[in-house]
Amino acid sequence: MLIDVFKEEEILNRLLEVFESNEKIAPTHWGNCETVQVEYNRQEIIEKVILEQRVSEVHLYRDKTVH
């Protein structure tokens, strides 16, 4: 079980890195449904999804247009 948690955290970190690594798609907000948007905070996402297991889906948003 503990191994699964570490693997899930590693996968989530890698996915978030993909978005964060490109300034054109880097998220500025996130939420656990389409109607919730809070300031993007990677550590908060990991805590809610992996450690607290309170969030089953993550929506990433960007408030800047892509040029």
C-alpha atoms as a PDB file:
ATOM      1  CA  MET A   1       0.000   0.000   0.000  1.00  0.00           C
ATOM      2  CA  LEU A   2       2.757   2.465   0.950  1.00  0.00           C
ATOM      3  CA  ILE A   3       4.618   1.625  -2.265  1.00  0.00           C
ATOM      4  CA  ASP A   4       1.488   2.437  -4.258  1.00  0.00           C
ATOM      5  CA  VAL A   5       1.278   5.859  -2.600  1.00  0.00           C
ATOM      6  CA  PHE A   6       4.872   6.666  -3.559  1.00  0.00           C
ATOM      7  CA  LYS A   7       4.273   5.489  -7.126  1.00  0.00           C
ATOM      8  CA  GLU A   8       1.088   7.569  -7.410  1.00  0.00           C
ATOM      9  CA  GLU A   9       2.900  10.625  -6.077  1.00  0.00           C
ATOM     10  CA  GLU A  10       5.732  10.110  -8.565  1.00  0.00           C
ATOM     11  CA  ILE A  11       3.274   9.832 -11.465  1.00  0.00           C
ATOM     12  CA  LEU A  12       1.355  12.934 -10.369  1.00  0.00           C
ATOM     13  CA  ASN A  13       4.618  14.878  -9.976  1.00  0.00           C
ATOM     14  CA  ARG A  14       5.713  13.907 -13.478  1.00  0.00           C
ATOM     15  CA  LEU A  15       2.391  14.958 -14.982  1.00  0.00           C
ATOM     16  CA  LEU A  16       2.478  18.312 -13.217  1.00  0.00           C
ATOM     17  CA  GLU A  17       6.090  18.825 -14.350  1.00  0.00           C
ATOM     18  CA  VAL A  18       4.996  18.458 -17.975  1.00  0.00           C
ATOM     19  CA  PHE A  19       2.561  21.342 -17.612  1.00  0.00           C
ATOM     20  CA  GLU A  20       4.873  23.479 -15.473  1.00  0.00           C
ATOM     21  CA  SER A  21       7.851  23.044 -17.811  1.00  0.00           C
ATOM     22  CA  ASN A  22       6.185  24.920 -20.674  1.00  0.00           C
ATOM     23  CA  GLU A  23       5.317  28.532 -19.887  1.00  0.00           C
ATOM     24  CA  LYS A  24       2.634  28.480 -22.598  1.00  0.00           C
ATOM     25  CA  ILE A  25       0.624  25.819 -20.761  1.00  0.00           C
ATOM     26  CA  ALA A  26       1.772  26.305 -17.161  1.00  0.00           C
ATOM     27  CA  PRO A  27      -1.313  26.284 -14.921  1.00  0.00           C
ATOM     28  CA  THR A  28      -2.251  29.316 -12.842  1.00  0.00           C
ATOM     29  CA  HIS A  29      -5.206  27.709 -11.034  1.00  0.00           C
ATOM     30  CA  TRP A  30      -6.512  24.278 -10.186  1.00  0.00           C
ATOM     31  CA  GLY A  31      -9.611  22.652  -8.734  1.00  0.00           C
ATOM     32  CA  ASN A  32     -11.244  19.324  -7.995  1.00  0.00           C
ATOM     33  CA  CYS A  33     -14.192  20.024 -10.322  1.00  0.00           C
ATOM     34  CA  GLU A  34     -15.043  22.348 -13.202  1.00  0.00           C
ATOM     35  CA  THR A  35     -16.558  25.012 -10.958  1.00  0.00           C
ATOM     36  CA  VAL A  36     -13.736  25.305  -8.393  1.00  0.00           C
ATOM     37  CA  GLN A  37     -10.581  27.289  -9.140  1.00  0.00           C
ATOM     38  CA  VAL A  38      -7.917  28.149  -6.575  1.00  0.00           C
ATOM     39  CA  GLU A  39      -4.399  29.449  -7.097  1.00  0.00           C
ATOM     40  CA  TYR A  40      -2.106  26.747  -8.483  1.00  0.00           C
ATOM     41  CA  ASN A  41       0.028  25.151  -5.798  1.00  0.00           C
ATOM     42  CA  ARG A  42       1.720  21.865  -6.629  1.00  0.00           C
ATOM     43  CA  GLN A  43       2.260  20.867  -3.005  1.00  0.00           C
ATOM     44  CA  GLU A  44      -1.395  21.476  -2.170  1.00  0.00           C
ATOM     45  CA  ILE A  45      -2.487  19.276  -5.092  1.00  0.00           C
ATOM     46  CA  ILE A  46      -0.211  16.442  -3.961  1.00  0.00           C
ATOM     47  CA  GLU A  47      -1.407  16.730  -0.366  1.00  0.00           C
ATOM     48  CA  LYS A  48      -5.095  16.656  -1.329  1.00  0.00           C
ATOM     49  CA  VAL A  49      -4.768  13.863  -3.914  1.00  0.00           C
ATOM     50  CA  ILE A  50      -2.107  11.574  -2.428  1.00  0.00           C
ATOM     51  CA  LEU A  51      -1.801  12.196   1.292  1.00  0.00           C
ATOM     52  CA  GLU A  52      -5.353  13.135   2.254  1.00  0.00           C
ATOM     53  CA  GLN A  53      -7.009  11.218  -0.611  1.00  0.00           C
ATOM     54  CA  ARG A  54      -9.762  13.845  -0.634  1.00  0.00           C
ATOM     55  CA  VAL A  55      -9.567  14.683  -4.346  1.00  0.00           C
ATOM     56  CA  SER A  56     -10.211  12.112  -7.059  1.00  0.00           C
ATOM     57  CA  GLU A  57      -9.767  14.383 -10.081  1.00  0.00           C
ATOM     58  CA  VAL A  58      -7.675  17.458 -10.797  1.00  0.00           C
ATOM     59  CA  HIS A  59      -8.618  20.228 -13.211  1.00  0.00           C
ATOM     60  CA  LEU A  60      -5.801  22.560 -14.264  1.00  0.00           C
ATOM     61  CA  TYR A  61      -6.557  26.060 -15.542  1.00  0.00           C
ATOM     62  CA  ARG A  62      -4.635  28.904 -17.071  1.00  0.00           C
ATOM     63  CA  ASP A  63      -5.773  32.518 -16.942  1.00  0.00           C
ATOM     64  CA  LYS A  64      -3.387  33.657 -19.667  1.00  0.00           C
ATOM     65  CA  THR A  65      -3.864  33.231 -23.393  1.00  0.00           C
ATOM     66  CA  VAL A  66      -1.392  31.276 -25.492  1.00  0.00           C
ATOM     67  CA  HIS A  67       0.327  33.261 -28.253  1.00  0.00           C
END
